Amino acid sequence: MAELVGPRVYSCCHCRNHVCLHDDIISKAFQGRNGRAFLFSHAMNISVGPKEDRQLTTGLHTVADIYCRDCREVLGWKYERAYEESQRYKEGKFIFEKAKIVKENW
């Protein structure tokens, strides 16, 4: 497991594997499957599942679920493709559901 160095790290809620940095948050105004979610520019110590088209609040997107590399908990998804021009900024970015991550070193 790669350790993220920094004062504000988010970890998997189940195994405490470091998965993202607070400094990489793009937006906190997203909706996940189970409530609030954050959009991040980068992720670490995750696995990416198969791509699938999914109808989301903002339209049709190609996404892939992201999993904790250690315990395989689904943490959110990665935007692979946005079909609407206004949503293209999400491509290559990661959604982490707030309920699936915990703050470390805060």
PDB file of N, CA and C in Angstrom:
ATOM      1  N   MET A   1       0.843  -1.176   0.000  1.00  0.00           N
ATOM      2  CA  MET A   1       0.000   0.000   0.000  1.00  0.00           C
ATOM      3  C   MET A   1       0.884   1.234   0.000  1.00  0.00           C
ATOM      4  N   ALA A   2       0.654   2.128  -0.922  1.00  0.00           N
ATOM      5  CA  ALA A   2       1.392   3.389  -0.956  1.00  0.00           C
ATOM      6  C   ALA A   2       0.803   4.324   0.091  1.00  0.00           C
ATOM      7  N   GLU A   3       1.646   4.958   0.846  1.00  0.00           N
ATOM      8  CA  GLU A   3       1.202   5.891   1.883  1.00  0.00           C
ATOM      9  C   GLU A   3       1.208   7.301   1.318  1.00  0.00           C
ATOM     10  N   LEU A   4       0.095   7.979   1.399  1.00  0.00           N
ATOM     11  CA  LEU A   4       0.031   9.368   0.974  1.00  0.00           C
ATOM     12  C   LEU A   4       0.533  10.244   2.111  1.00  0.00           C
ATOM     13  N   VAL A   5       1.477  11.119   1.798  1.00  0.00           N
ATOM     14  CA  VAL A   5       2.045  11.991   2.816  1.00  0.00           C
ATOM     15  C   VAL A   5       1.363  13.337   2.717  1.00  0.00           C
ATOM     16  N   GLY A   6       0.828  13.804   3.812  1.00  0.00           N
ATOM     17  CA  GLY A   6       0.152  15.085   3.828  1.00  0.00           C
ATOM     18  C   GLY A   6      -0.758  15.156   5.020  1.00  0.00           C
ATOM     19  N   PRO A   7      -1.057  16.342   5.452  1.00  0.00           N
ATOM     20  CA  PRO A   7      -1.848  16.480   6.667  1.00  0.00           C
ATOM     21  C   PRO A   7      -3.322  16.126   6.495  1.00  0.00           C
ATOM     22  N   ARG A   8      -3.827  16.115   5.269  1.00  0.00           N
ATOM     23  CA  ARG A   8      -5.263  15.897   5.081  1.00  0.00           C
ATOM     24  C   ARG A   8      -5.497  14.811   4.049  1.00  0.00           C
ATOM     25  N   VAL A   9      -5.679  13.590   4.550  1.00  0.00           N
ATOM     26  CA  VAL A   9      -5.824  12.410   3.715  1.00  0.00           C
ATOM     27  C   VAL A   9      -7.189  11.785   3.983  1.00  0.00           C
ATOM     28  N   TYR A  10      -7.785  11.219   2.939  1.00  0.00           N
ATOM     29  CA  TYR A  10      -8.990  10.416   3.100  1.00  0.00           C
ATOM     30  C   TYR A  10      -8.624   8.951   2.931  1.00  0.00           C
ATOM     31  N   SER A  11      -9.250   8.090   3.742  1.00  0.00           N
ATOM     32  CA  SER A  11      -8.994   6.656   3.721  1.00  0.00           C
ATOM     33  C   SER A  11     -10.291   5.891   3.516  1.00  0.00           C
ATOM     34  N   CYS A  12     -10.157   4.647   3.080  1.00  0.00           N
ATOM     35  CA  CYS A  12     -11.290   3.726   2.983  1.00  0.00           C
ATOM     36  C   CYS A  12     -11.911   3.572   4.368  1.00  0.00           C
ATOM     37  N   CYS A  13     -13.215   3.618   4.445  1.00  0.00           N
ATOM     38  CA  CYS A  13     -13.903   3.533   5.738  1.00  0.00           C
ATOM     39  C   CYS A  13     -13.772   2.162   6.386  1.00  0.00           C
ATOM     40  N   HIS A  14     -13.450   1.134   5.608  1.00  0.00           N
ATOM     41  CA  HIS A  14     -13.371  -0.221   6.152  1.00  0.00           C
ATOM     42  C   HIS A  14     -11.969  -0.621   6.596  1.00  0.00           C
ATOM     43  N   CYS A  15     -10.952  -0.317   5.778  1.00  0.00           N
ATOM     44  CA  CYS A  15      -9.606  -0.820   6.090  1.00  0.00           C
ATOM     45  C   CYS A  15      -8.578   0.287   6.322  1.00  0.00           C
ATOM     46  N   ARG A  16      -8.979   1.539   6.171  1.00  0.00           N
ATOM     47  CA  ARG A  16      -8.093   2.698   6.394  1.00  0.00           C
ATOM     48  C   ARG A  16      -6.959   2.816   5.383  1.00  0.00           C
ATOM     49  N   ASN A  17      -7.109   2.210   4.231  1.00  0.00           N
ATOM     50  CA  ASN A  17      -6.176   2.377   3.125  1.00  0.00           C
ATOM     51  C   ASN A  17      -6.310   3.812   2.607  1.00  0.00           C
ATOM     52  N   HIS A  18      -5.202   4.545   2.476  1.00  0.00           N
ATOM     53  CA  HIS A  18      -5.244   5.915   1.959  1.00  0.00           C
ATOM     54  C   HIS A  18      -5.649   5.901   0.489  1.00  0.00           C
ATOM     55  N   VAL A  19      -6.694   6.684   0.149  1.00  0.00           N
ATOM     56  CA  VAL A  19      -7.202   6.649  -1.230  1.00  0.00           C
ATOM     57  C   VAL A  19      -7.207   7.997  -1.938  1.00  0.00           C
ATOM     58  N   CYS A  20      -7.162   9.112  -1.208  1.00  0.00           N
ATOM     59  CA  CYS A  20      -7.158  10.415  -1.867  1.00  0.00           C
ATOM     60  C   CYS A  20      -6.738  11.514  -0.897  1.00  0.00           C
ATOM     61  N   LEU A  21      -6.344  12.643  -1.467  1.00  0.00           N
ATOM     62  CA  LEU A  21      -5.914  13.812  -0.697  1.00  0.00           C
ATOM     63  C   LEU A  21      -6.977  14.900  -0.741  1.00  0.00           C
ATOM     64  N   HIS A  22      -7.160  15.572   0.373  1.00  0.00           N
ATOM     65  CA  HIS A  22      -8.104  16.687   0.432  1.00  0.00           C
ATOM     66  C   HIS A  22      -7.769  17.752  -0.612  1.00  0.00           C
ATOM     67  N   ASP A  23      -6.500  17.985  -0.848  1.00  0.00           N
ATOM     68  CA  ASP A  23      -6.082  19.013  -1.813  1.00  0.00           C
ATOM     69  C   ASP A  23      -6.521  18.705  -3.241  1.00  0.00           C
ATOM     70  N   ASP A  24      -6.914  17.461  -3.521  1.00  0.00           N
ATOM     71  CA  ASP A  24      -7.348  17.072  -4.868  1.00  0.00           C
ATOM     72  C   ASP A  24      -8.855  17.184  -5.076  1.00  0.00           C
ATOM     73  N   ILE A  25      -9.578  17.705  -4.085  1.00  0.00           N
ATOM     74  CA  ILE A  25     -11.029  17.892  -4.246  1.00  0.00           C
ATOM     75  C   ILE A  25     -11.293  19.008  -5.249  1.00  0.00           C
ATOM     76  N   ILE A  26     -12.125  18.701  -6.225  1.00  0.00           N
ATOM     77  CA  ILE A  26     -12.572  19.697  -7.199  1.00  0.00           C
ATOM     78  C   ILE A  26     -13.899  20.283  -6.752  1.00  0.00           C
ATOM     79  N   SER A  27     -14.794  19.425  -6.247  1.00  0.00           N
ATOM     80  CA  SER A  27     -16.124  19.872  -5.823  1.00  0.00           C
ATOM     81  C   SER A  27     -16.685  18.936  -4.761  1.00  0.00           C
ATOM     82  N   LYS A  28     -17.421  19.520  -3.824  1.00  0.00           N
ATOM     83  CA  LYS A  28     -18.139  18.741  -2.811  1.00  0.00           C
ATOM     84  C   LYS A  28     -19.639  18.701  -3.102  1.00  0.00           C
ATOM     85  N   ALA A  29     -20.047  19.198  -4.246  1.00  0.00           N
ATOM     86  CA  ALA A  29     -21.464  19.344  -4.581  1.00  0.00           C
ATOM     87  C   ALA A  29     -21.964  18.230  -5.498  1.00  0.00           C
ATOM     88  N   PHE A  30     -21.585  16.996  -5.208  1.00  0.00           N
ATOM     89  CA  PHE A  30     -22.004  15.865  -6.033  1.00  0.00           C
ATOM     90  C   PHE A  30     -22.875  14.923  -5.233  1.00  0.00           C
ATOM     91  N   GLN A  31     -23.670  14.144  -5.963  1.00  0.00           N
ATOM     92  CA  GLN A  31     -24.558  13.160  -5.364  1.00  0.00           C
ATOM     93  C   GLN A  31     -24.077  11.776  -5.762  1.00  0.00           C
ATOM     94  N   GLY A  32     -23.845  10.927  -4.774  1.00  0.00           N
ATOM     95  CA  GLY A  32     -23.462   9.543  -5.033  1.00  0.00           C
ATOM     96  C   GLY A  32     -24.673   8.639  -4.964  1.00  0.00           C
ATOM     97  N   ARG A  33     -24.464   7.348  -4.971  1.00  0.00           N
ATOM     98  CA  ARG A  33     -25.566   6.387  -4.860  1.00  0.00           C
ATOM     99  C   ARG A  33     -26.249   6.488  -3.504  1.00  0.00           C
ATOM    100  N   ASN A  34     -25.453   6.801  -2.468  1.00  0.00           N
ATOM    101  CA  ASN A  34     -25.972   6.795  -1.100  1.00  0.00           C
ATOM    102  C   ASN A  34     -25.787   8.126  -0.400  1.00  0.00           C
ATOM    103  N   GLY A  35     -25.977   9.217  -1.107  1.00  0.00           N
ATOM    104  CA  GLY A  35     -25.844  10.527  -0.479  1.00  0.00           C
ATOM    105  C   GLY A  35     -24.735  11.355  -1.097  1.00  0.00           C
ATOM    106  N   ARG A  36     -24.221  12.259  -0.299  1.00  0.00           N
ATOM    107  CA  ARG A  36     -23.239  13.233  -0.755  1.00  0.00           C
ATOM    108  C   ARG A  36     -21.952  12.561  -1.249  1.00  0.00           C
ATOM    109  N   ALA A  37     -21.334  13.203  -2.243  1.00  0.00           N
ATOM    110  CA  ALA A  37     -20.100  12.680  -2.815  1.00  0.00           C
ATOM    111  C   ALA A  37     -19.202  13.844  -3.218  1.00  0.00           C
ATOM    112  N   PHE A  38     -17.905  13.547  -3.334  1.00  0.00           N
ATOM    113  CA  PHE A  38     -16.911  14.551  -3.702  1.00  0.00           C
ATOM    114  C   PHE A  38     -16.271  14.163  -5.029  1.00  0.00           C
ATOM    115  N   LEU A  39     -15.974  15.167  -5.857  1.00  0.00           N
ATOM    116  CA  LEU A  39     -15.257  14.962  -7.108  1.00  0.00           C
ATOM    117  C   LEU A  39     -13.781  15.261  -6.865  1.00  0.00           C
ATOM    118  N   PHE A  40     -12.920  14.288  -7.173  1.00  0.00           N
ATOM    119  CA  PHE A  40     -11.478  14.425  -6.978  1.00  0.00           C
ATOM    120  C   PHE A  40     -10.756  14.350  -8.320  1.00  0.00           C
ATOM    121  N   SER A  41      -9.643  15.055  -8.402  1.00  0.00           N
ATOM    122  CA  SER A  41      -8.826  15.011  -9.618  1.00  0.00           C
ATOM    123  C   SER A  41      -7.947  13.769  -9.671  1.00  0.00           C
ATOM    124  N   HIS A  42      -7.580  13.221  -8.518  1.00  0.00           N
ATOM    125  CA  HIS A  42      -6.688  12.064  -8.450  1.00  0.00           C
ATOM    126  C   HIS A  42      -7.176  11.074  -7.399  1.00  0.00           C
ATOM    127  N   ALA A  43      -6.738   9.835  -7.537  1.00  0.00           N
ATOM    128  CA  ALA A  43      -7.029   8.787  -6.551  1.00  0.00           C
ATOM    129  C   ALA A  43      -5.808   7.886  -6.453  1.00  0.00           C
ATOM    130  N   MET A  44      -5.724   7.143  -5.354  1.00  0.00           N
ATOM    131  CA  MET A  44      -4.581   6.264  -5.147  1.00  0.00           C
ATOM    132  C   MET A  44      -5.045   5.015  -4.404  1.00  0.00           C
ATOM    133  N   ASN A  45      -4.329   3.925  -4.606  1.00  0.00           N
ATOM    134  CA  ASN A  45      -4.630   2.655  -3.933  1.00  0.00           C
ATOM    135  C   ASN A  45      -6.045   2.156  -4.214  1.00  0.00           C
ATOM    136  N   ILE A  46      -6.468   2.355  -5.464  1.00  0.00           N
ATOM    137  CA  ILE A  46      -7.789   1.890  -5.888  1.00  0.00           C
ATOM    138  C   ILE A  46      -7.635   0.975  -7.093  1.00  0.00           C
ATOM    139  N   SER A  47      -8.675   0.197  -7.359  1.00  0.00           N
ATOM    140  CA  SER A  47      -8.796  -0.587  -8.587  1.00  0.00           C
ATOM    141  C   SER A  47     -10.000  -0.046  -9.337  1.00  0.00           C
ATOM    142  N   VAL A  48      -9.923  -0.092 -10.655  1.00  0.00           N
ATOM    143  CA  VAL A  48     -11.002   0.412 -11.503  1.00  0.00           C
ATOM    144  C   VAL A  48     -11.690  -0.767 -12.170  1.00  0.00           C
ATOM    145  N   GLY A  49     -13.011  -0.820 -12.050  1.00  0.00           N
ATOM    146  CA  GLY A  49     -13.798  -1.898 -12.642  1.00  0.00           C
ATOM    147  C   GLY A  49     -14.070  -1.670 -14.118  1.00  0.00           C
ATOM    148  N   PRO A  50     -14.920  -2.508 -14.700  1.00  0.00           N
ATOM    149  CA  PRO A  50     -15.250  -2.374 -16.122  1.00  0.00           C
ATOM    150  C   PRO A  50     -16.078  -1.115 -16.402  1.00  0.00           C
ATOM    151  N   LYS A  51     -15.901  -0.577 -17.586  1.00  0.00           N
ATOM    152  CA  LYS A  51     -16.651   0.607 -18.011  1.00  0.00           C
ATOM    153  C   LYS A  51     -18.086   0.224 -18.346  1.00  0.00           C
ATOM    154  N   GLU A  52     -19.006   1.147 -18.032  1.00  0.00           N
ATOM    155  CA  GLU A  52     -20.405   0.944 -18.410  1.00  0.00           C
ATOM    156  C   GLU A  52     -21.061   2.304 -18.581  1.00  0.00           C
ATOM    157  N   ASP A  53     -22.046   2.368 -19.460  1.00  0.00           N
ATOM    158  CA  ASP A  53     -22.825   3.596 -19.609  1.00  0.00           C
ATOM    159  C   ASP A  53     -23.843   3.642 -18.487  1.00  0.00           C
ATOM    160  N   ARG A  54     -23.945   4.814 -17.854  1.00  0.00           N
ATOM    161  CA  ARG A  54     -24.854   4.974 -16.724  1.00  0.00           C
ATOM    162  C   ARG A  54     -25.556   6.322 -16.857  1.00  0.00           C
ATOM    163  N   GLN A  55     -26.865   6.332 -16.696  1.00  0.00           N
ATOM    164  CA  GLN A  55     -27.643   7.568 -16.711  1.00  0.00           C
ATOM    165  C   GLN A  55     -27.550   8.178 -15.314  1.00  0.00           C
ATOM    166  N   LEU A  56     -26.888   9.317 -15.211  1.00  0.00           N
ATOM    167  CA  LEU A  56     -26.725  10.018 -13.938  1.00  0.00           C
ATOM    168  C   LEU A  56     -27.559  11.292 -13.947  1.00  0.00           C
ATOM    169  N   THR A  57     -27.564  11.999 -12.855  1.00  0.00           N
ATOM    170  CA  THR A  57     -28.358  13.231 -12.725  1.00  0.00           C
ATOM    171  C   THR A  57     -28.055  14.218 -13.849  1.00  0.00           C
ATOM    172  N   THR A  58     -26.793  14.286 -14.264  1.00  0.00           N
ATOM    173  CA  THR A  58     -26.374  15.269 -15.271  1.00  0.00           C
ATOM    174  C   THR A  58     -26.299  14.693 -16.677  1.00  0.00           C
ATOM    175  N   GLY A  59     -26.891  13.514 -16.892  1.00  0.00           N
ATOM    176  CA  GLY A  59     -26.924  12.950 -18.229  1.00  0.00           C
ATOM    177  C   GLY A  59     -26.195  11.623 -18.325  1.00  0.00           C
ATOM    178  N   LEU A  60     -26.042  11.144 -19.554  1.00  0.00           N
ATOM    179  CA  LEU A  60     -25.407   9.860 -19.810  1.00  0.00           C
ATOM    180  C   LEU A  60     -23.892   9.992 -19.741  1.00  0.00           C
ATOM    181  N   HIS A  61     -23.259   9.086 -18.996  1.00  0.00           N
ATOM    182  CA  HIS A  61     -21.803   9.061 -18.858  1.00  0.00           C
ATOM    183  C   HIS A  61     -21.322   7.616 -18.961  1.00  0.00           C
ATOM    184  N   THR A  62     -20.090   7.430 -19.414  1.00  0.00           N
ATOM    185  CA  THR A  62     -19.419   6.143 -19.299  1.00  0.00           C
ATOM    186  C   THR A  62     -18.595   6.227 -18.023  1.00  0.00           C
ATOM    187  N   VAL A  63     -18.847   5.310 -17.101  1.00  0.00           N
ATOM    188  CA  VAL A  63     -18.186   5.321 -15.797  1.00  0.00           C
ATOM    189  C   VAL A  63     -17.665   3.917 -15.483  1.00  0.00           C
ATOM    190  N   ALA A  64     -16.779   3.866 -14.502  1.00  0.00           N
ATOM    191  CA  ALA A  64     -16.273   2.585 -14.000  1.00  0.00           C
ATOM    192  C   ALA A  64     -16.223   2.687 -12.485  1.00  0.00           C
ATOM    193  N   ASP A  65     -16.798   1.718 -11.797  1.00  0.00           N
ATOM    194  CA  ASP A  65     -16.739   1.721 -10.334  1.00  0.00           C
ATOM    195  C   ASP A  65     -15.288   1.657  -9.885  1.00  0.00           C
ATOM    196  N   ILE A  66     -15.001   2.315  -8.745  1.00  0.00           N
ATOM    197  CA  ILE A  66     -13.667   2.252  -8.160  1.00  0.00           C
ATOM    198  C   ILE A  66     -13.760   1.526  -6.824  1.00  0.00           C
ATOM    199  N   TYR A  67     -12.749   0.703  -6.551  1.00  0.00           N
ATOM    200  CA  TYR A  67     -12.714  -0.155  -5.370  1.00  0.00           C
ATOM    201  C   TYR A  67     -11.441   0.111  -4.584  1.00  0.00           C
ATOM    202  N   CYS A  68     -11.521  -0.025  -3.286  1.00  0.00           N
ATOM    203  CA  CYS A  68     -10.323  -0.013  -2.453  1.00  0.00           C
ATOM    204  C   CYS A  68      -9.451  -1.185  -2.877  1.00  0.00           C
ATOM    205  N   ARG A  69      -8.187  -0.927  -3.115  1.00  0.00           N
ATOM    206  CA  ARG A  69      -7.277  -1.976  -3.562  1.00  0.00           C
ATOM    207  C   ARG A  69      -7.064  -3.053  -2.496  1.00  0.00           C
ATOM    208  N   ASP A  70      -7.205  -2.693  -1.222  1.00  0.00           N
ATOM    209  CA  ASP A  70      -6.953  -3.659  -0.152  1.00  0.00           C
ATOM    210  C   ASP A  70      -8.174  -4.510   0.190  1.00  0.00           C
ATOM    211  N   CYS A  71      -9.327  -3.881   0.444  1.00  0.00           N
ATOM    212  CA  CYS A  71     -10.498  -4.646   0.910  1.00  0.00           C
ATOM    213  C   CYS A  71     -11.594  -4.810  -0.145  1.00  0.00           C
ATOM    214  N   ARG A  72     -11.432  -4.159  -1.314  1.00  0.00           N
ATOM    215  CA  ARG A  72     -12.372  -4.271  -2.449  1.00  0.00           C
ATOM    216  C   ARG A  72     -13.716  -3.585  -2.215  1.00  0.00           C
ATOM    217  N   GLU A  73     -13.815  -2.740  -1.213  1.00  0.00           N
ATOM    218  CA  GLU A  73     -15.039  -1.961  -0.978  1.00  0.00           C
ATOM    219  C   GLU A  73     -15.253  -0.995  -2.143  1.00  0.00           C
ATOM    220  N   VAL A  74     -16.480  -0.912  -2.664  1.00  0.00           N
ATOM    221  CA  VAL A  74     -16.800   0.076  -3.696  1.00  0.00           C
ATOM    222  C   VAL A  74     -16.808   1.450  -3.027  1.00  0.00           C
ATOM    223  N   LEU A  75     -16.001   2.364  -3.549  1.00  0.00           N
ATOM    224  CA  LEU A  75     -15.876   3.703  -2.959  1.00  0.00           C
ATOM    225  C   LEU A  75     -16.564   4.787  -3.783  1.00  0.00           C
ATOM    226  N   GLY A  76     -16.836   4.501  -5.041  1.00  0.00           N
ATOM    227  CA  GLY A  76     -17.437   5.490  -5.932  1.00  0.00           C
ATOM    228  C   GLY A  76     -17.245   5.058  -7.368  1.00  0.00           C
ATOM    229  N   TRP A  77     -16.919   6.015  -8.252  1.00  0.00           N
ATOM    230  CA  TRP A  77     -16.703   5.680  -9.655  1.00  0.00           C
ATOM    231  C   TRP A  77     -15.762   6.679 -10.306  1.00  0.00           C
ATOM    232  N   LYS A  78     -15.250   6.282 -11.466  1.00  0.00           N
ATOM    233  CA  LYS A  78     -14.412   7.136 -12.291  1.00  0.00           C
ATOM    234  C   LYS A  78     -15.193   7.503 -13.535  1.00  0.00           C
ATOM    235  N   TYR A  79     -15.178   8.790 -13.887  1.00  0.00           N
ATOM    236  CA  TYR A  79     -15.794   9.241 -15.136  1.00  0.00           C
ATOM    237  C   TYR A  79     -14.834   8.952 -16.281  1.00  0.00           C
ATOM    238  N   GLU A  80     -15.237   8.099 -17.181  1.00  0.00           N
ATOM    239  CA  GLU A  80     -14.424   7.790 -18.354  1.00  0.00           C
ATOM    240  C   GLU A  80     -14.808   8.666 -19.538  1.00  0.00           C
ATOM    241  N   ARG A  81     -16.126   8.924 -19.691  1.00  0.00           N
ATOM    242  CA  ARG A  81     -16.591   9.735 -20.818  1.00  0.00           C
ATOM    243  C   ARG A  81     -17.881  10.432 -20.453  1.00  0.00           C
ATOM    244  N   ALA A  82     -17.986  11.684 -20.858  1.00  0.00           N
ATOM    245  CA  ALA A  82     -19.228  12.445 -20.724  1.00  0.00           C
ATOM    246  C   ALA A  82     -19.748  12.721 -22.133  1.00  0.00           C
ATOM    247  N   TYR A  83     -21.011  12.467 -22.355  1.00  0.00           N
ATOM    248  CA  TYR A  83     -21.573  12.626 -23.694  1.00  0.00           C
ATOM    249  C   TYR A  83     -22.001  14.058 -23.983  1.00  0.00           C
ATOM    250  N   GLU A  84     -22.235  14.828 -22.938  1.00  0.00           N
ATOM    251  CA  GLU A  84     -22.608  16.228 -23.131  1.00  0.00           C
ATOM    252  C   GLU A  84     -21.377  17.115 -22.962  1.00  0.00           C
ATOM    253  N   GLU A  85     -21.222  18.060 -23.849  1.00  0.00           N
ATOM    254  CA  GLU A  85     -20.045  18.950 -23.839  1.00  0.00           C
ATOM    255  C   GLU A  85     -19.846  19.624 -22.486  1.00  0.00           C
ATOM    256  N   SER A  86     -20.937  20.061 -21.863  1.00  0.00           N
ATOM    257  CA  SER A  86     -20.829  20.788 -20.587  1.00  0.00           C
ATOM    258  C   SER A  86     -20.332  19.913 -19.439  1.00  0.00           C
ATOM    259  N   GLN A  87     -20.339  18.603 -19.632  1.00  0.00           N
ATOM    260  CA  GLN A  87     -19.934  17.675 -18.578  1.00  0.00           C
ATOM    261  C   GLN A  87     -18.537  17.076 -18.807  1.00  0.00           C
ATOM    262  N   ARG A  88     -17.868  17.471 -19.873  1.00  0.00           N
ATOM    263  CA  ARG A  88     -16.572  16.878 -20.233  1.00  0.00           C
ATOM    264  C   ARG A  88     -15.472  17.133 -19.201  1.00  0.00           C
ATOM    265  N   TYR A  89     -15.629  18.159 -18.372  1.00  0.00           N
ATOM    266  CA  TYR A  89     -14.616  18.441 -17.347  1.00  0.00           C
ATOM    267  C   TYR A  89     -14.475  17.284 -16.347  1.00  0.00           C
ATOM    268  N   LYS A  90     -15.473  16.402 -16.281  1.00  0.00           N
ATOM    269  CA  LYS A  90     -15.452  15.274 -15.345  1.00  0.00           C
ATOM    270  C   LYS A  90     -14.614  14.099 -15.852  1.00  0.00           C
ATOM    271  N   GLU A  91     -14.326  14.063 -17.132  1.00  0.00           N
ATOM    272  CA  GLU A  91     -13.624  12.924 -17.707  1.00  0.00           C
ATOM    273  C   GLU A  91     -12.264  12.720 -17.028  1.00  0.00           C
ATOM    274  N   GLY A  92     -12.014  11.470 -16.623  1.00  0.00           N
ATOM    275  CA  GLY A  92     -10.769  11.137 -15.949  1.00  0.00           C
ATOM    276  C   GLY A  92     -10.756  11.457 -14.464  1.00  0.00           C
ATOM    277  N   LYS A  93     -11.861  12.005 -13.942  1.00  0.00           N
ATOM    278  CA  LYS A  93     -11.963  12.379 -12.523  1.00  0.00           C
ATOM    279  C   LYS A  93     -12.673  11.271 -11.743  1.00  0.00           C
ATOM    280  N   PHE A  94     -12.617  11.377 -10.411  1.00  0.00           N
ATOM    281  CA  PHE A  94     -13.115  10.335  -9.517  1.00  0.00           C
ATOM    282  C   PHE A  94     -14.171  10.869  -8.558  1.00  0.00           C
ATOM    283  N   ILE A  95     -15.237  10.111  -8.409  1.00  0.00           N
ATOM    284  CA  ILE A  95     -16.242  10.382  -7.388  1.00  0.00           C
ATOM    285  C   ILE A  95     -15.989   9.439  -6.218  1.00  0.00           C
ATOM    286  N   PHE A  96     -15.834  10.019  -5.026  1.00  0.00           N
ATOM    287  CA  PHE A  96     -15.775   9.238  -3.791  1.00  0.00           C
ATOM    288  C   PHE A  96     -17.007   9.584  -2.974  1.00  0.00           C
ATOM    289  N   GLU A  97     -17.749   8.564  -2.572  1.00  0.00           N
ATOM    290  CA  GLU A  97     -18.921   8.798  -1.736  1.00  0.00           C
ATOM    291  C   GLU A  97     -18.468   9.132  -0.324  1.00  0.00           C
ATOM    292  N   LYS A  98     -19.031  10.191   0.230  1.00  0.00           N
ATOM    293  CA  LYS A  98     -18.627  10.659   1.551  1.00  0.00           C
ATOM    294  C   LYS A  98     -18.759   9.560   2.610  1.00  0.00           C
ATOM    295  N   ALA A  99     -19.773   8.729   2.513  1.00  0.00           N
ATOM    296  CA  ALA A  99     -20.011   7.666   3.493  1.00  0.00           C
ATOM    297  C   ALA A  99     -18.966   6.553   3.406  1.00  0.00           C
ATOM    298  N   LYS A 100     -18.183   6.518   2.321  1.00  0.00           N
ATOM    299  CA  LYS A 100     -17.226   5.434   2.116  1.00  0.00           C
ATOM    300  C   LYS A 100     -15.789   5.815   2.459  1.00  0.00           C
ATOM    301  N   ILE A 101     -15.553   7.104   2.792  1.00  0.00           N
ATOM    302  CA  ILE A 101     -14.204   7.547   3.119  1.00  0.00           C
ATOM    303  C   ILE A 101     -14.195   8.246   4.461  1.00  0.00           C
ATOM    304  N   VAL A 102     -13.049   8.203   5.127  1.00  0.00           N
ATOM    305  CA  VAL A 102     -12.900   8.860   6.438  1.00  0.00           C
ATOM    306  C   VAL A 102     -11.658   9.730   6.405  1.00  0.00           C
ATOM    307  N   LYS A 103     -11.682  10.777   7.194  1.00  0.00           N
ATOM    308  CA  LYS A 103     -10.554  11.696   7.298  1.00  0.00           C
ATOM    309  C   LYS A 103      -9.451  11.083   8.144  1.00  0.00           C
ATOM    310  N   GLU A 104      -8.218  11.261   7.704  1.00  0.00           N
ATOM    311  CA  GLU A 104      -7.037  10.835   8.456  1.00  0.00           C
ATOM    312  C   GLU A 104      -6.119  12.050   8.615  1.00  0.00           C
ATOM    313  N   ASN A 105      -5.436  12.140   9.739  1.00  0.00           N
ATOM    314  CA  ASN A 105      -4.429  13.184   9.983  1.00  0.00           C
ATOM    315  C   ASN A 105      -5.004  14.595   9.914  1.00  0.00           C
ATOM    316  N   TRP A 106      -6.218  14.810  10.427  1.00  0.00           N
ATOM    317  CA  TRP A 106      -6.831  16.143  10.415  1.00  0.00           C
ATOM    318  C   TRP A 106      -6.742  16.727  11.798  1.00  0.00           C
TER     319      TRP A 106
END
